[in-house]
Amino acid sequence: MKKPWFVFIIGSFVILSVFFGFFLAIASRLALFEVFINLTPTAPLMANANVLVVGVDNAFGHRSDTIMVLHTDPSSKAVSLVSIPRDTLAVIPGRGLDKINHAYAYGGVELTRKTVSQFFGIDIPYYVAVNLSGIVDIIDELGGITLDVERRMYYVDYAGDLYIDLKPGVQHLSGKQAMGYLRYRHDDGDIKRIARQQKFLQALGNELLRRDNLLRSPQLFLTLLSYIDTNLNSRQTLGLALTLRQAQEFGRVQMATVPGHDMMVDGVYYLKSDEKQVKEIVKQNLANN
């Protein structure tokens, strides 16, 4: 019979992975984890690999609002996370030059995976797609989240059913308010938004790791599952979650953002990436050394 503490530990591993921008779909296979560990105690559950992480915000159309690549190195107990601004100019296979986040609208997560793989010049075999609207439910399930809002944020879009009204300072936000914090776009562009995303994910991770929330992790875990899609199998998912946990404990987490400069084409804004710097970021964060 499965011991309760094992369920709680696995739940905490999975929930910790939210800190890095994605949720893991393995509820139906939890019973297999102990079998995997017992049968192959020394074999790595997941080797060095790159994982595409896509956050889809349906409130702003069928496009990826968040694009990241996670590199996991179990042998070194380290992970790297590289964020790509959604307006980055890229070649979308079969479509040509366009904003990289449009790949999801044209061909879903698979075309996005191919586009990002080509953009970085690396193999990205795995993906995790997250419906960001689910964050509202997760945060409300937690009873809210504490954030230090950097500035006054006010924006109303009646057509998009979006109402943001946040004052600066440390405050406890509901799920809807937290999504407003993430969706606010009227500042200095994608780089600022990515910084807010990383700050939010850290706050969410801290909230999830509170003892009372860890003990409720199976319930939270089941809530997470309905908002994700992944091609990782159960063994790979467990291995990834364990590596994330170890990387956090040992302080071996690197984060980077694709750099570039503003560019206007026919009145449309793009971010033109710096190819030299992108190659260096790939070498340092996403390539197997």
Protein backbone atom coordinates (compact mmCIF):
# COMPACT_ATOMS: atom_id res chain seq x y z
CA MET A 1 0.00 0.00 0.00
CA LYS A 2 1.33 3.44 -0.91
CA LYS A 3 2.54 5.36 2.13
CA PRO A 4 1.01 8.84 2.63
CA TRP A 5 4.42 10.44 3.09
CA PHE A 6 5.48 9.24 -0.36
CA VAL A 7 2.47 10.92 -1.94
CA PHE A 8 3.26 14.14 -0.10
CA ILE A 9 6.92 14.10 -1.17
CA ILE A 10 6.06 13.45 -4.82
CA GLY A 11 3.41 16.16 -4.65
CA SER A 12 5.93 18.64 -3.28
CA PHE A 13 8.42 17.79 -6.04
CA VAL A 14 5.80 18.40 -8.67
CA ILE A 15 4.53 21.62 -7.11
CA LEU A 16 8.10 22.93 -6.78
CA SER A 17 8.39 22.76 -10.55
CA VAL A 18 5.85 25.59 -10.77
CA PHE A 19 8.72 27.83 -9.62
CA PHE A 20 10.23 27.34 -13.06
CA GLY A 21 7.08 28.18 -15.06
CA PHE A 22 5.33 24.86 -15.70
CA PHE A 23 3.04 22.15 -14.30
CA LEU A 24 3.46 18.37 -14.62
CA ALA A 25 0.84 15.93 -15.95
CA ILE A 26 1.32 12.65 -14.09
CA ALA A 27 -1.63 12.13 -11.74
CA SER A 28 -2.86 8.94 -13.39
CA ARG A 29 0.60 7.37 -13.07
CA LEU A 30 1.62 8.24 -9.51
CA ALA A 31 1.41 4.56 -8.56
CA LEU A 32 4.23 3.77 -11.02
CA PHE A 33 6.81 6.03 -9.40
CA GLU A 34 7.83 3.62 -6.65
CA VAL A 35 8.03 0.83 -9.21
CA PHE A 36 10.40 2.88 -11.37
CA ILE A 37 12.59 3.74 -8.41
CA ASN A 38 12.71 0.17 -7.10
CA LEU A 39 13.43 -1.42 -10.48
CA THR A 40 16.09 1.07 -11.60
CA PRO A 41 17.56 2.64 -8.45
CA THR A 42 20.78 3.82 -10.14
CA ALA A 43 19.55 4.69 -13.65
CA PRO A 44 18.80 8.37 -14.30
CA LEU A 45 15.09 9.03 -14.63
CA MET A 46 15.79 11.73 -17.22
CA ALA A 47 19.04 12.56 -19.01
CA ASN A 48 20.30 16.00 -20.02
CA ALA A 49 17.55 17.54 -22.12
CA ASN A 50 15.88 20.74 -23.26
CA VAL A 51 12.20 21.28 -22.53
CA LEU A 52 10.04 23.93 -24.18
CA VAL A 53 7.75 25.65 -21.69
CA VAL A 54 4.82 27.55 -23.20
CA GLY A 55 2.25 29.59 -21.30
CA VAL A 56 -0.94 30.26 -23.24
CA ASP A 57 -3.12 33.17 -22.16
CA ASN A 58 -6.49 32.63 -23.84
CA ALA A 59 -7.63 36.06 -22.69
CA PHE A 60 -5.38 37.58 -25.37
CA GLY A 61 -6.04 35.19 -28.23
CA HIS A 62 -4.66 31.83 -29.20
CA ARG A 63 -1.00 32.80 -28.87
CA SER A 64 1.78 31.85 -26.48
CA ASP A 65 2.20 34.64 -23.95
CA THR A 66 5.21 33.03 -22.27
CA ILE A 67 7.99 31.09 -24.03
CA MET A 68 10.89 29.52 -22.14
CA VAL A 69 13.39 26.71 -22.63
CA LEU A 70 14.44 24.69 -19.61
CA HIS A 71 17.71 22.76 -19.71
CA THR A 72 18.10 20.03 -17.12
CA ASP A 73 21.43 18.47 -16.12
CA PRO A 74 20.72 15.71 -13.55
CA SER A 75 24.39 14.69 -13.20
CA SER A 76 25.31 18.20 -12.02
CA LYS A 77 22.01 18.76 -10.22
CA ALA A 78 21.60 21.98 -12.19
CA VAL A 79 18.99 23.64 -14.40
CA SER A 80 18.93 26.66 -16.68
CA LEU A 81 15.93 28.62 -17.85
CA VAL A 82 16.02 30.96 -20.86
CA SER A 83 13.06 33.25 -21.56
CA ILE A 84 12.22 34.49 -25.05
CA PRO A 85 10.32 37.79 -25.39
CA ARG A 86 7.06 37.08 -27.23
CA ASP A 87 7.70 39.80 -29.85
CA THR A 88 11.07 38.35 -30.87
CA LEU A 89 11.51 38.19 -34.64
CA ALA A 90 12.01 34.58 -35.77
CA VAL A 91 11.60 32.33 -38.79
CA ILE A 92 8.48 30.20 -38.33
CA PRO A 93 8.73 27.04 -40.49
CA GLY A 94 6.25 27.24 -43.35
CA ARG A 95 5.31 30.84 -42.51
CA GLY A 96 8.48 32.93 -42.72
CA LEU A 97 9.56 35.84 -40.53
CA ASP A 98 7.10 36.74 -37.79
CA LYS A 99 6.81 37.26 -34.04
CA ILE A 100 7.84 34.06 -32.33
CA ASN A 101 4.67 33.84 -30.26
CA HIS A 102 2.58 33.62 -33.45
CA ALA A 103 3.92 30.11 -34.01
CA TYR A 104 1.44 28.80 -31.48
CA ALA A 105 -1.49 30.37 -33.32
CA TYR A 106 -0.32 28.86 -36.62
CA GLY A 107 0.54 25.35 -35.44
CA GLY A 108 0.18 24.93 -31.70
CA VAL A 109 2.90 23.69 -29.40
CA GLU A 110 4.54 21.48 -32.05
CA LEU A 111 5.21 24.38 -34.44
CA THR A 112 6.37 26.46 -31.49
CA ARG A 113 8.80 23.70 -30.52
CA LYS A 114 10.20 23.57 -34.07
CA THR A 115 10.47 27.36 -34.25
CA VAL A 116 12.29 27.71 -30.93
CA SER A 117 14.54 24.75 -31.72
CA GLN A 118 15.54 26.41 -35.01
CA PHE A 119 15.92 29.82 -33.34
CA PHE A 120 18.43 28.47 -30.81
CA GLY A 121 19.98 25.84 -33.08
CA ILE A 122 19.44 23.07 -30.53
CA ASP A 123 17.33 19.94 -30.15
CA ILE A 124 14.21 20.42 -28.00
CA PRO A 125 12.45 17.05 -27.80
CA TYR A 126 10.03 17.82 -24.98
CA TYR A 127 7.38 20.40 -24.22
CA VAL A 128 5.02 21.50 -21.48
CA ALA A 129 2.13 23.82 -22.39
CA VAL A 130 0.33 25.63 -19.58
CA ASN A 131 -3.05 27.34 -19.71
CA LEU A 132 -2.25 30.48 -17.73
CA SER A 133 -5.89 31.08 -16.84
CA GLY A 134 -5.53 28.20 -14.41
CA ILE A 135 -3.18 30.29 -12.27
CA VAL A 136 -6.22 32.18 -10.99
CA ASP A 137 -7.67 28.96 -9.57
CA ILE A 138 -4.33 27.82 -8.11
CA ILE A 139 -3.73 31.10 -6.30
CA ASP A 140 -7.27 31.21 -4.95
CA GLU A 141 -6.83 27.61 -3.78
CA LEU A 142 -3.75 28.81 -1.87
CA GLY A 143 -5.68 31.68 -0.34
CA GLY A 144 -3.84 34.35 -2.31
CA ILE A 145 -0.22 35.31 -2.90
CA THR A 146 1.95 38.09 -1.47
CA LEU A 147 3.73 40.32 -4.00
CA ASP A 148 5.56 43.62 -3.95
CA VAL A 149 3.93 45.55 -6.80
CA GLU A 150 6.56 47.83 -8.32
CA ARG A 151 4.33 50.62 -9.60
CA ARG A 152 0.77 51.79 -10.05
CA MET A 153 -0.94 49.48 -12.52
CA TYR A 154 -4.26 50.55 -13.97
CA TYR A 155 -5.77 49.33 -17.20
CA VAL A 156 -9.30 48.55 -18.36
CA ASP A 157 -10.24 46.57 -21.47
CA TYR A 158 -13.98 45.95 -21.46
CA ALA A 159 -13.88 43.98 -24.71
CA GLY A 160 -11.24 41.64 -23.30
CA ASP A 161 -12.89 41.53 -19.85
CA LEU A 162 -9.69 42.81 -18.29
CA TYR A 163 -9.66 45.14 -15.30
CA ILE A 164 -6.35 45.87 -13.59
CA ASP A 165 -6.19 48.19 -10.61
CA LEU A 166 -3.11 47.67 -8.43
CA LYS A 167 -1.32 50.14 -6.20
CA PRO A 168 2.44 49.92 -5.48
CA GLY A 169 3.74 48.13 -2.41
CA VAL A 170 3.65 44.74 -0.68
CA GLN A 171 0.16 43.24 -0.69
CA HIS A 172 -1.77 39.97 -0.69
CA LEU A 173 -3.37 39.41 -4.09
CA SER A 174 -6.22 37.19 -5.19
CA GLY A 175 -5.86 35.01 -8.27
CA LYS A 176 -7.55 37.58 -10.49
CA GLN A 177 -5.38 40.40 -9.13
CA ALA A 178 -2.22 38.32 -9.61
CA MET A 179 -3.15 37.63 -13.23
CA GLY A 180 -3.63 41.36 -13.69
CA TYR A 181 -0.08 41.83 -12.40
CA LEU A 182 1.17 39.33 -14.98
CA ARG A 183 -0.95 40.66 -17.84
CA TYR A 184 -0.15 44.33 -17.38
CA ARG A 185 1.68 45.48 -20.50
CA HIS A 186 1.83 49.27 -20.30
CA ASP A 187 5.38 49.67 -19.06
CA ASP A 188 8.75 49.13 -20.71
CA GLY A 189 7.87 46.11 -22.85
CA ASP A 190 8.54 42.41 -22.68
CA ILE A 191 11.76 42.55 -20.69
CA LYS A 192 9.94 44.14 -17.76
CA ARG A 193 7.11 41.60 -18.13
CA ILE A 194 9.57 38.71 -18.06
CA ALA A 195 11.15 40.14 -14.90
CA ARG A 196 7.68 40.27 -13.33
CA GLN A 197 6.99 36.70 -14.42
CA GLN A 198 10.18 35.47 -12.74
CA LYS A 199 9.40 37.47 -9.61
CA PHE A 200 5.85 36.09 -9.55
CA LEU A 201 7.03 32.50 -10.01
CA GLN A 202 9.43 32.87 -7.09
CA ALA A 203 6.63 34.22 -4.88
CA LEU A 204 4.32 31.42 -6.00
CA GLY A 205 7.02 28.84 -5.30
CA ASN A 206 7.53 30.25 -1.79
CA GLU A 207 3.79 30.09 -1.14
CA LEU A 208 3.52 26.52 -2.37
CA LEU A 209 6.45 25.43 -0.21
CA ARG A 210 4.82 26.59 3.01
CA ARG A 211 4.32 23.59 5.26
CA ASP A 212 0.52 23.79 5.35
CA ASN A 213 0.37 23.97 1.56
CA LEU A 214 2.77 21.05 1.11
CA LEU A 215 0.47 18.93 3.24
CA ARG A 216 -2.38 19.88 0.88
CA SER A 217 -0.24 19.23 -2.20
CA PRO A 218 -2.24 16.27 -3.61
CA GLN A 219 -5.32 18.48 -3.88
CA LEU A 220 -3.32 21.31 -5.40
CA PHE A 221 -1.59 18.85 -7.69
CA LEU A 222 -4.87 17.59 -9.10
CA THR A 223 -5.94 21.18 -9.73
CA LEU A 224 -2.72 21.82 -11.65
CA LEU A 225 -3.24 18.84 -13.94
CA SER A 226 -6.27 20.20 -15.74
CA TYR A 227 -4.27 23.15 -17.06
CA ILE A 228 -1.29 21.43 -18.68
CA ASP A 229 -0.31 19.39 -21.71
CA THR A 230 3.05 17.60 -22.05
CA ASN A 231 4.80 14.84 -23.97
CA LEU A 232 6.93 13.90 -20.96
CA ASN A 233 6.16 10.42 -19.66
CA SER A 234 5.87 9.61 -15.96
CA ARG A 235 9.48 8.54 -15.54
CA GLN A 236 10.82 11.66 -17.26
CA THR A 237 8.48 13.89 -15.29
CA LEU A 238 9.63 12.48 -11.97
CA GLY A 239 13.26 12.78 -12.99
CA LEU A 240 12.77 16.38 -14.03
CA ALA A 241 10.97 17.25 -10.81
CA LEU A 242 13.75 15.66 -8.74
CA THR A 243 16.42 17.59 -10.65
CA LEU A 244 14.51 20.85 -10.15
CA ARG A 245 14.31 20.17 -6.44
CA GLN A 246 18.03 19.40 -6.18
CA ALA A 247 19.02 22.40 -8.28
CA GLN A 248 17.01 24.70 -6.02
CA GLU A 249 18.51 23.18 -2.87
CA PHE A 250 22.09 23.46 -4.15
CA GLY A 251 21.59 26.92 -5.66
CA ARG A 252 22.38 25.70 -9.18
CA VAL A 253 19.70 27.55 -11.09
CA GLN A 254 20.56 29.91 -13.93
CA MET A 255 18.09 32.27 -15.60
CA ALA A 256 18.59 34.33 -18.74
CA THR A 257 16.55 36.33 -21.25
CA VAL A 258 17.14 36.65 -24.98
CA PRO A 259 18.57 40.15 -25.55
CA GLY A 260 17.86 42.40 -28.50
CA HIS A 261 16.78 45.82 -29.71
CA ASP A 262 13.49 47.39 -30.77
CA MET A 263 12.56 47.36 -34.44
CA MET A 264 9.53 48.71 -36.32
CA VAL A 265 8.43 47.19 -39.65
CA ASP A 266 5.39 48.72 -41.36
CA GLY A 267 4.23 50.10 -38.04
CA VAL A 268 4.55 46.73 -36.27
CA TYR A 269 6.87 46.32 -33.28
CA TYR A 270 9.41 43.49 -33.14
CA LEU A 271 12.37 42.65 -30.94
CA LYS A 272 15.43 41.84 -33.08
CA SER A 273 17.62 39.48 -31.11
CA ASP A 274 21.39 39.88 -30.89
CA GLU A 275 22.63 36.73 -32.63
CA LYS A 276 26.08 36.79 -31.06
CA GLN A 277 24.70 37.12 -27.55
CA VAL A 278 22.05 34.46 -28.23
CA LYS A 279 24.77 31.99 -29.26
CA GLU A 280 26.63 32.71 -26.03
CA ILE A 281 23.46 32.25 -23.96
CA VAL A 282 22.84 28.90 -25.68
CA LYS A 283 26.41 27.81 -25.03
CA GLN A 284 26.22 28.74 -21.36
CA ASN A 285 22.69 27.59 -20.58
CA LEU A 286 21.18 25.18 -23.09
CA ALA A 287 24.00 23.17 -24.70
CA ASN A 288 25.29 19.90 -23.29
CA ASN A 289 28.86 20.58 -22.23
